[in-house]
Amino acid sequence: MIFFSVVASAPMIFPDISEHDEPFYNFFQIHHLSEFSLEEIKDLIRKIAEFENNKDFLADFKKIEPKIHGLAHLTGGVHGL
C-alpha cells in the first residue's frame, strides 16, 4: 500500500479546488488556519533558532525583534510568509 500526503498553503481558496467542474474539486481536505499573533511569531522563530542551535541569533534576539515586528505587520501573520 502506498500512502502520501500533500501539505500546502494558500492565502485563499482558488477556483481550481472550489468549483464543481474543476479538476481538483473535493480532492484536498482543507483546514483553515488562524493568523499568528506577534507573540506566536516570535515564539516560533525563537524555537526554530533553539532547534538549530543558533546561539548568535538568540543572543541578538532583542535587537532583531523590531524587524520581526515589521515583517509580522507586512505579512499580516500569514503562515506561509
PDB file of N, CA and C in Angstrom:
ATOM      1  N   MET A   1       0.844  -1.174   0.000  1.00  0.00           N
ATOM      2  CA  MET A   1       0.000   0.000   0.000  1.00  0.00           C
ATOM      3  C   MET A   1       0.897   1.248   0.000  1.00  0.00           C
ATOM      4  N   ILE A   2       0.569   2.198  -0.804  1.00  0.00           N
ATOM      5  CA  ILE A   2       1.310   3.452  -0.885  1.00  0.00           C
ATOM      6  C   ILE A   2       0.461   4.545  -0.239  1.00  0.00           C
ATOM      7  N   PHE A   3       1.104   5.325   0.599  1.00  0.00           N
ATOM      8  CA  PHE A   3       0.418   6.417   1.284  1.00  0.00           C
ATOM      9  C   PHE A   3       1.272   7.668   1.170  1.00  0.00           C
ATOM     10  N   PHE A   4       0.666   8.774   0.824  1.00  0.00           N
ATOM     11  CA  PHE A   4       1.403  10.026   0.789  1.00  0.00           C
ATOM     12  C   PHE A   4       0.462  11.168   1.153  1.00  0.00           C
ATOM     13  N   SER A   5       1.059  12.261   1.556  1.00  0.00           N
ATOM     14  CA  SER A   5       0.311  13.458   1.915  1.00  0.00           C
ATOM     15  C   SER A   5       0.898  14.645   1.178  1.00  0.00           C
ATOM     16  N   VAL A   6       0.049  15.568   0.847  1.00  0.00           N
ATOM     17  CA  VAL A   6       0.478  16.833   0.266  1.00  0.00           C
ATOM     18  C   VAL A   6       0.079  17.917   1.255  1.00  0.00           C
ATOM     19  N   VAL A   7       1.054  18.689   1.697  1.00  0.00           N
ATOM     20  CA  VAL A   7       0.781  19.792   2.597  1.00  0.00           C
ATOM     21  C   VAL A   7       1.082  21.070   1.830  1.00  0.00           C
ATOM     22  N   ALA A   8       0.101  21.936   1.761  1.00  0.00           N
ATOM     23  CA  ALA A   8       0.272  23.174   1.002  1.00  0.00           C
ATOM     24  C   ALA A   8      -0.433  24.306   1.732  1.00  0.00           C
ATOM     25  N   SER A   9      -0.096  25.499   1.343  1.00  0.00           N
ATOM     26  CA  SER A   9      -0.696  26.679   1.947  1.00  0.00           C
ATOM     27  C   SER A   9      -1.060  27.670   0.851  1.00  0.00           C
ATOM     28  N   ALA A  10      -2.177  28.340   1.029  1.00  0.00           N
ATOM     29  CA  ALA A  10      -2.606  29.366   0.080  1.00  0.00           C
ATOM     30  C   ALA A  10      -3.358  30.437   0.860  1.00  0.00           C
ATOM     31  N   PRO A  11      -3.243  31.690   0.454  1.00  0.00           N
ATOM     32  CA  PRO A  11      -3.929  32.754   1.183  1.00  0.00           C
ATOM     33  C   PRO A  11      -5.437  32.782   0.944  1.00  0.00           C
ATOM     34  N   MET A  12      -5.901  32.030  -0.052  1.00  0.00           N
ATOM     35  CA  MET A  12      -7.338  31.985  -0.342  1.00  0.00           C
ATOM     36  C   MET A  12      -7.671  30.676  -1.054  1.00  0.00           C
ATOM     37  N   ILE A  13      -8.941  30.335  -1.067  1.00  0.00           N
ATOM     38  CA  ILE A  13      -9.388  29.160  -1.815  1.00  0.00           C
ATOM     39  C   ILE A  13      -9.588  29.607  -3.259  1.00  0.00           C
ATOM     40  N   PHE A  14      -8.940  28.922  -4.184  1.00  0.00           N
ATOM     41  CA  PHE A  14      -8.979  29.332  -5.583  1.00  0.00           C
ATOM     42  C   PHE A  14      -9.918  28.438  -6.387  1.00  0.00           C
ATOM     43  N   PRO A  15     -10.353  28.890  -7.562  1.00  0.00           N
ATOM     44  CA  PRO A  15     -11.367  28.171  -8.346  1.00  0.00           C
ATOM     45  C   PRO A  15     -11.015  26.723  -8.683  1.00  0.00           C
ATOM     46  N   ASP A  16      -9.740  26.411  -8.872  1.00  0.00           N
ATOM     47  CA  ASP A  16      -9.367  25.043  -9.240  1.00  0.00           C
ATOM     48  C   ASP A  16      -9.774  24.012  -8.190  1.00  0.00           C
ATOM     49  N   ILE A  17      -9.960  24.437  -6.954  1.00  0.00           N
ATOM     50  CA  ILE A  17     -10.379  23.487  -5.920  1.00  0.00           C
ATOM     51  C   ILE A  17     -11.781  23.761  -5.395  1.00  0.00           C
ATOM     52  N   SER A  18     -12.366  24.887  -5.763  1.00  0.00           N
ATOM     53  CA  SER A  18     -13.670  25.239  -5.211  1.00  0.00           C
ATOM     54  C   SER A  18     -14.834  25.111  -6.191  1.00  0.00           C
ATOM     55  N   GLU A  19     -14.560  25.006  -7.480  1.00  0.00           N
ATOM     56  CA  GLU A  19     -15.624  24.937  -8.480  1.00  0.00           C
ATOM     57  C   GLU A  19     -15.880  23.482  -8.887  1.00  0.00           C
ATOM     58  N   HIS A  20     -17.139  23.124  -8.998  1.00  0.00           N
ATOM     59  CA  HIS A  20     -17.537  21.737  -9.285  1.00  0.00           C
ATOM     60  C   HIS A  20     -16.930  21.162 -10.555  1.00  0.00           C
ATOM     61  N   ASP A  21     -16.719  21.966 -11.562  1.00  0.00           N
ATOM     62  CA  ASP A  21     -16.236  21.451 -12.848  1.00  0.00           C
ATOM     63  C   ASP A  21     -14.712  21.521 -13.003  1.00  0.00           C
ATOM     64  N   GLU A  22     -13.995  21.842 -11.933  1.00  0.00           N
ATOM     65  CA  GLU A  22     -12.532  21.938 -11.989  1.00  0.00           C
ATOM     66  C   GLU A  22     -11.887  20.622 -11.530  1.00  0.00           C
ATOM     67  N   PRO A  23     -10.665  20.342 -11.979  1.00  0.00           N
ATOM     68  CA  PRO A  23     -10.048  19.026 -11.749  1.00  0.00           C
ATOM     69  C   PRO A  23      -9.771  18.667 -10.285  1.00  0.00           C
ATOM     70  N   PHE A  24      -9.504  19.645  -9.444  1.00  0.00           N
ATOM     71  CA  PHE A  24      -9.166  19.332  -8.057  1.00  0.00           C
ATOM     72  C   PHE A  24     -10.308  19.582  -7.085  1.00  0.00           C
ATOM     73  N   TYR A  25     -11.527  19.731  -7.595  1.00  0.00           N
ATOM     74  CA  TYR A  25     -12.672  19.930  -6.716  1.00  0.00           C
ATOM     75  C   TYR A  25     -12.818  18.716  -5.788  1.00  0.00           C
ATOM     76  N   ASN A  26     -12.918  18.975  -4.500  1.00  0.00           N
ATOM     77  CA  ASN A  26     -13.088  17.942  -3.468  1.00  0.00           C
ATOM     78  C   ASN A  26     -11.906  16.983  -3.369  1.00  0.00           C
ATOM     79  N   PHE A  27     -10.758  17.342  -3.925  1.00  0.00           N
ATOM     80  CA  PHE A  27      -9.580  16.484  -3.894  1.00  0.00           C
ATOM     81  C   PHE A  27      -8.806  16.649  -2.593  1.00  0.00           C
ATOM     82  N   PHE A  28      -8.759  17.877  -2.075  1.00  0.00           N
ATOM     83  CA  PHE A  28      -7.979  18.175  -0.878  1.00  0.00           C
ATOM     84  C   PHE A  28      -8.886  18.294   0.344  1.00  0.00           C
ATOM     85  N   GLN A  29      -8.349  17.924   1.495  1.00  0.00           N
ATOM     86  CA  GLN A  29      -9.018  18.172   2.759  1.00  0.00           C
ATOM     87  C   GLN A  29      -8.503  19.522   3.248  1.00  0.00           C
ATOM     88  N   ILE A  30      -9.371  20.496   3.356  1.00  0.00           N
ATOM     89  CA  ILE A  30      -8.971  21.870   3.663  1.00  0.00           C
ATOM     90  C   ILE A  30      -9.102  22.137   5.161  1.00  0.00           C
ATOM     91  N   HIS A  31      -8.047  22.698   5.722  1.00  0.00           N
ATOM     92  CA  HIS A  31      -8.047  23.134   7.118  1.00  0.00           C
ATOM     93  C   HIS A  31      -7.764  24.629   7.132  1.00  0.00           C
ATOM     94  N   HIS A  32      -8.668  25.398   7.684  1.00  0.00           N
ATOM     95  CA  HIS A  32      -8.471  26.845   7.780  1.00  0.00           C
ATOM     96  C   HIS A  32      -7.637  27.151   9.020  1.00  0.00           C
ATOM     97  N   LEU A  33      -6.565  27.887   8.833  1.00  0.00           N
ATOM     98  CA  LEU A  33      -5.667  28.236   9.925  1.00  0.00           C
ATOM     99  C   LEU A  33      -5.858  29.697  10.298  1.00  0.00           C
ATOM    100  N   SER A  34      -5.849  29.968  11.578  1.00  0.00           N
ATOM    101  CA  SER A  34      -5.941  31.362  12.004  1.00  0.00           C
ATOM    102  C   SER A  34      -4.567  32.019  11.882  1.00  0.00           C
ATOM    103  N   GLU A  35      -4.579  33.328  11.813  1.00  0.00           N
ATOM    104  CA  GLU A  35      -3.316  34.060  11.698  1.00  0.00           C
ATOM    105  C   GLU A  35      -2.542  33.962  13.004  1.00  0.00           C
ATOM    106  N   PHE A  36      -1.213  34.019  12.912  1.00  0.00           N
ATOM    107  CA  PHE A  36      -0.366  34.032  14.099  1.00  0.00           C
ATOM    108  C   PHE A  36      -0.390  35.426  14.714  1.00  0.00           C
ATOM    109  N   SER A  37      -0.355  35.473  16.027  1.00  0.00           N
ATOM    110  CA  SER A  37      -0.166  36.754  16.712  1.00  0.00           C
ATOM    111  C   SER A  37       1.324  37.085  16.682  1.00  0.00           C
ATOM    112  N   LEU A  38       1.666  38.307  17.013  1.00  0.00           N
ATOM    113  CA  LEU A  38       3.072  38.712  17.046  1.00  0.00           C
ATOM    114  C   LEU A  38       3.848  37.849  18.046  1.00  0.00           C
ATOM    115  N   GLU A  39       3.266  37.570  19.194  1.00  0.00           N
ATOM    116  CA  GLU A  39       3.937  36.741  20.196  1.00  0.00           C
ATOM    117  C   GLU A  39       4.142  35.313  19.695  1.00  0.00           C
ATOM    118  N   GLU A  40       3.163  34.767  18.981  1.00  0.00           N
ATOM    119  CA  GLU A  40       3.306  33.420  18.421  1.00  0.00           C
ATOM    120  C   GLU A  40       4.409  33.378  17.363  1.00  0.00           C
ATOM    121  N   ILE A  41       4.505  34.432  16.562  1.00  0.00           N
ATOM    122  CA  ILE A  41       5.554  34.506  15.544  1.00  0.00           C
ATOM    123  C   ILE A  41       6.929  34.544  16.208  1.00  0.00           C
ATOM    124  N   LYS A  42       7.083  35.398  17.215  1.00  0.00           N
ATOM    125  CA  LYS A  42       8.370  35.495  17.910  1.00  0.00           C
ATOM    126  C   LYS A  42       8.718  34.176  18.595  1.00  0.00           C
ATOM    127  N   ASP A  43       7.737  33.536  19.199  1.00  0.00           N
ATOM    128  CA  ASP A  43       7.961  32.256  19.869  1.00  0.00           C
ATOM    129  C   ASP A  43       8.394  31.185  18.869  1.00  0.00           C
ATOM    130  N   LEU A  44       7.745  31.138  17.721  1.00  0.00           N
ATOM    131  CA  LEU A  44       8.103  30.166  16.692  1.00  0.00           C
ATOM    132  C   LEU A  44       9.524  30.398  16.179  1.00  0.00           C
ATOM    133  N   ILE A  45       9.866  31.644  15.890  1.00  0.00           N
ATOM    134  CA  ILE A  45      11.208  31.967  15.400  1.00  0.00           C
ATOM    135  C   ILE A  45      12.257  31.614  16.451  1.00  0.00           C
ATOM    136  N   ARG A  46      11.948  31.914  17.703  1.00  0.00           N
ATOM    137  CA  ARG A  46      12.871  31.582  18.794  1.00  0.00           C
ATOM    138  C   ARG A  46      13.058  30.064  18.901  1.00  0.00           C
ATOM    139  N   LYS A  47      11.981  29.298  18.793  1.00  0.00           N
ATOM    140  CA  LYS A  47      12.074  27.837  18.885  1.00  0.00           C
ATOM    141  C   LYS A  47      12.848  27.246  17.714  1.00  0.00           C
ATOM    142  N   ILE A  48      12.683  27.814  16.529  1.00  0.00           N
ATOM    143  CA  ILE A  48      13.464  27.351  15.373  1.00  0.00           C
ATOM    144  C   ILE A  48      14.951  27.604  15.612  1.00  0.00           C
ATOM    145  N   ALA A  49      15.282  28.780  16.125  1.00  0.00           N
ATOM    146  CA  ALA A  49      16.684  29.104  16.418  1.00  0.00           C
ATOM    147  C   ALA A  49      17.247  28.167  17.483  1.00  0.00           C
ATOM    148  N   GLU A  50      16.450  27.846  18.492  1.00  0.00           N
ATOM    149  CA  GLU A  50      16.897  26.904  19.528  1.00  0.00           C
ATOM    150  C   GLU A  50      17.111  25.518  18.929  1.00  0.00           C
ATOM    151  N   PHE A  51      16.191  25.081  18.092  1.00  0.00           N
ATOM    152  CA  PHE A  51      16.309  23.770  17.460  1.00  0.00           C
ATOM    153  C   PHE A  51      17.566  23.683  16.595  1.00  0.00           C
ATOM    154  N   GLU A  52      17.858  24.774  15.889  1.00  0.00           N
ATOM    155  CA  GLU A  52      19.041  24.818  15.020  1.00  0.00           C
ATOM    156  C   GLU A  52      20.305  25.183  15.788  1.00  0.00           C
ATOM    157  N   ASN A  53      20.173  25.378  17.088  1.00  0.00           N
ATOM    158  CA  ASN A  53      21.300  25.738  17.946  1.00  0.00           C
ATOM    159  C   ASN A  53      22.004  27.009  17.457  1.00  0.00           C
ATOM    160  N   ASN A  54      21.205  27.980  17.039  1.00  0.00           N
ATOM    161  CA  ASN A  54      21.718  29.243  16.505  1.00  0.00           C
ATOM    162  C   ASN A  54      21.906  30.230  17.665  1.00  0.00           C
ATOM    163  N   LYS A  55      23.004  30.079  18.371  1.00  0.00           N
ATOM    164  CA  LYS A  55      23.262  30.869  19.575  1.00  0.00           C
ATOM    165  C   LYS A  55      23.462  32.353  19.276  1.00  0.00           C
ATOM    166  N   ASP A  56      24.063  32.670  18.135  1.00  0.00           N
ATOM    167  CA  ASP A  56      24.273  34.075  17.761  1.00  0.00           C
ATOM    168  C   ASP A  56      22.934  34.780  17.570  1.00  0.00           C
ATOM    169  N   PHE A  57      22.020  34.114  16.873  1.00  0.00           N
ATOM    170  CA  PHE A  57      20.690  34.694  16.640  1.00  0.00           C
ATOM    171  C   PHE A  57      19.970  34.911  17.970  1.00  0.00           C
ATOM    172  N   LEU A  58      20.012  33.900  18.830  1.00  0.00           N
ATOM    173  CA  LEU A  58      19.332  34.004  20.119  1.00  0.00           C
ATOM    174  C   LEU A  58      19.941  35.102  20.982  1.00  0.00           C
ATOM    175  N   ALA A  59      21.263  35.274  20.923  1.00  0.00           N
ATOM    176  CA  ALA A  59      21.923  36.317  21.698  1.00  0.00           C
ATOM    177  C   ALA A  59      21.508  37.709  21.228  1.00  0.00           C
ATOM    178  N   ASP A  60      21.243  37.854  19.935  1.00  0.00           N
ATOM    179  CA  ASP A  60      20.855  39.145  19.355  1.00  0.00           C
ATOM    180  C   ASP A  60      19.343  39.294  19.189  1.00  0.00           C
ATOM    181  N   PHE A  61      18.576  38.401  19.785  1.00  0.00           N
ATOM    182  CA  PHE A  61      17.131  38.390  19.544  1.00  0.00           C
ATOM    183  C   PHE A  61      16.465  39.721  19.883  1.00  0.00           C
ATOM    184  N   LYS A  62      16.863  40.350  20.958  1.00  0.00           N
ATOM    185  CA  LYS A  62      16.260  41.644  21.346  1.00  0.00           C
ATOM    186  C   LYS A  62      16.479  42.705  20.263  1.00  0.00           C
ATOM    187  N   LYS A  63      17.634  42.674  19.604  1.00  0.00           N
ATOM    188  CA  LYS A  63      17.909  43.639  18.524  1.00  0.00           C
ATOM    189  C   LYS A  63      17.111  43.303  17.266  1.00  0.00           C
ATOM    190  N   ILE A  64      16.786  42.026  17.079  1.00  0.00           N
ATOM    191  CA  ILE A  64      16.091  41.566  15.880  1.00  0.00           C
ATOM    192  C   ILE A  64      14.573  41.722  16.007  1.00  0.00           C
ATOM    193  N   GLU A  65      14.074  41.798  17.231  1.00  0.00           N
ATOM    194  CA  GLU A  65      12.620  41.866  17.457  1.00  0.00           C
ATOM    195  C   GLU A  65      11.900  42.969  16.663  1.00  0.00           C
ATOM    196  N   PRO A  66      12.447  44.182  16.547  1.00  0.00           N
ATOM    197  CA  PRO A  66      11.744  45.193  15.740  1.00  0.00           C
ATOM    198  C   PRO A  66      11.580  44.772  14.269  1.00  0.00           C
ATOM    199  N   LYS A  67      12.555  44.047  13.734  1.00  0.00           N
ATOM    200  CA  LYS A  67      12.449  43.563  12.358  1.00  0.00           C
ATOM    201  C   LYS A  67      11.360  42.508  12.243  1.00  0.00           C
ATOM    202  N   ILE A  68      11.266  41.650  13.251  1.00  0.00           N
ATOM    203  CA  ILE A  68      10.213  40.635  13.276  1.00  0.00           C
ATOM    204  C   ILE A  68       8.853  41.311  13.331  1.00  0.00           C
ATOM    205  N   HIS A  69       8.761  42.351  14.152  1.00  0.00           N
ATOM    206  CA  HIS A  69       7.508  43.105  14.254  1.00  0.00           C
ATOM    207  C   HIS A  69       7.130  43.701  12.895  1.00  0.00           C
ATOM    208  N   GLY A  70       8.110  44.264  12.193  1.00  0.00           N
ATOM    209  CA  GLY A  70       7.852  44.841  10.867  1.00  0.00           C
ATOM    210  C   GLY A  70       7.387  43.794   9.870  1.00  0.00           C
ATOM    211  N   LEU A  71       8.055  42.638   9.868  1.00  0.00           N
ATOM    212  CA  LEU A  71       7.651  41.560   8.953  1.00  0.00           C
ATOM    213  C   LEU A  71       6.269  41.029   9.295  1.00  0.00           C
ATOM    214  N   ALA A  72       5.972  40.914  10.588  1.00  0.00           N
ATOM    215  CA  ALA A  72       4.648  40.447  11.010  1.00  0.00           C
ATOM    216  C   ALA A  72       3.574  41.418  10.536  1.00  0.00           C
ATOM    217  N   HIS A  73       3.871  42.702  10.628  1.00  0.00           N
ATOM    218  CA  HIS A  73       2.919  43.715  10.171  1.00  0.00           C
ATOM    219  C   HIS A  73       2.709  43.621   8.652  1.00  0.00           C
ATOM    220  N   LEU A  74       3.797  43.465   7.904  1.00  0.00           N
ATOM    221  CA  LEU A  74       3.696  43.398   6.445  1.00  0.00           C
ATOM    222  C   LEU A  74       2.984  42.132   5.948  1.00  0.00           C
ATOM    223  N   THR A  75       3.200  41.015   6.633  1.00  0.00           N
ATOM    224  CA  THR A  75       2.603  39.745   6.186  1.00  0.00           C
ATOM    225  C   THR A  75       1.238  39.488   6.818  1.00  0.00           C
ATOM    226  N   GLY A  76       0.887  40.234   7.842  1.00  0.00           N
ATOM    227  CA  GLY A  76      -0.411  40.051   8.468  1.00  0.00           C
ATOM    228  C   GLY A  76      -0.548  38.751   9.241  1.00  0.00           C
ATOM    229  N   GLY A  77       0.550  38.131   9.607  1.00  0.00           N
ATOM    230  CA  GLY A  77       0.502  36.887  10.365  1.00  0.00           C
ATOM    231  C   GLY A  77       0.217  35.657   9.524  1.00  0.00           C
ATOM    232  N   VAL A  78       0.307  35.783   8.213  1.00  0.00           N
ATOM    233  CA  VAL A  78       0.056  34.647   7.333  1.00  0.00           C
ATOM    234  C   VAL A  78       1.193  33.639   7.472  1.00  0.00           C
ATOM    235  N   HIS A  79       0.875  32.366   7.684  1.00  0.00           N
ATOM    236  CA  HIS A  79       1.841  31.326   7.996  1.00  0.00           C
ATOM    237  C   HIS A  79       2.918  31.141   6.932  1.00  0.00           C
ATOM    238  N   GLY A  80       2.535  31.066   5.702  1.00  0.00           N
ATOM    239  CA  GLY A  80       3.481  30.777   4.642  1.00  0.00           C
ATOM    240  C   GLY A  80       4.486  31.882   4.386  1.00  0.00           C
ATOM    241  N   LEU A  81       4.127  33.089   4.766  1.00  0.00           N
ATOM    242  CA  LEU A  81       5.022  34.217   4.514  1.00  0.00           C
ATOM    243  C   LEU A  81       5.994  34.386   5.637  1.00  0.00           C
TER     244      LEU A  81
END
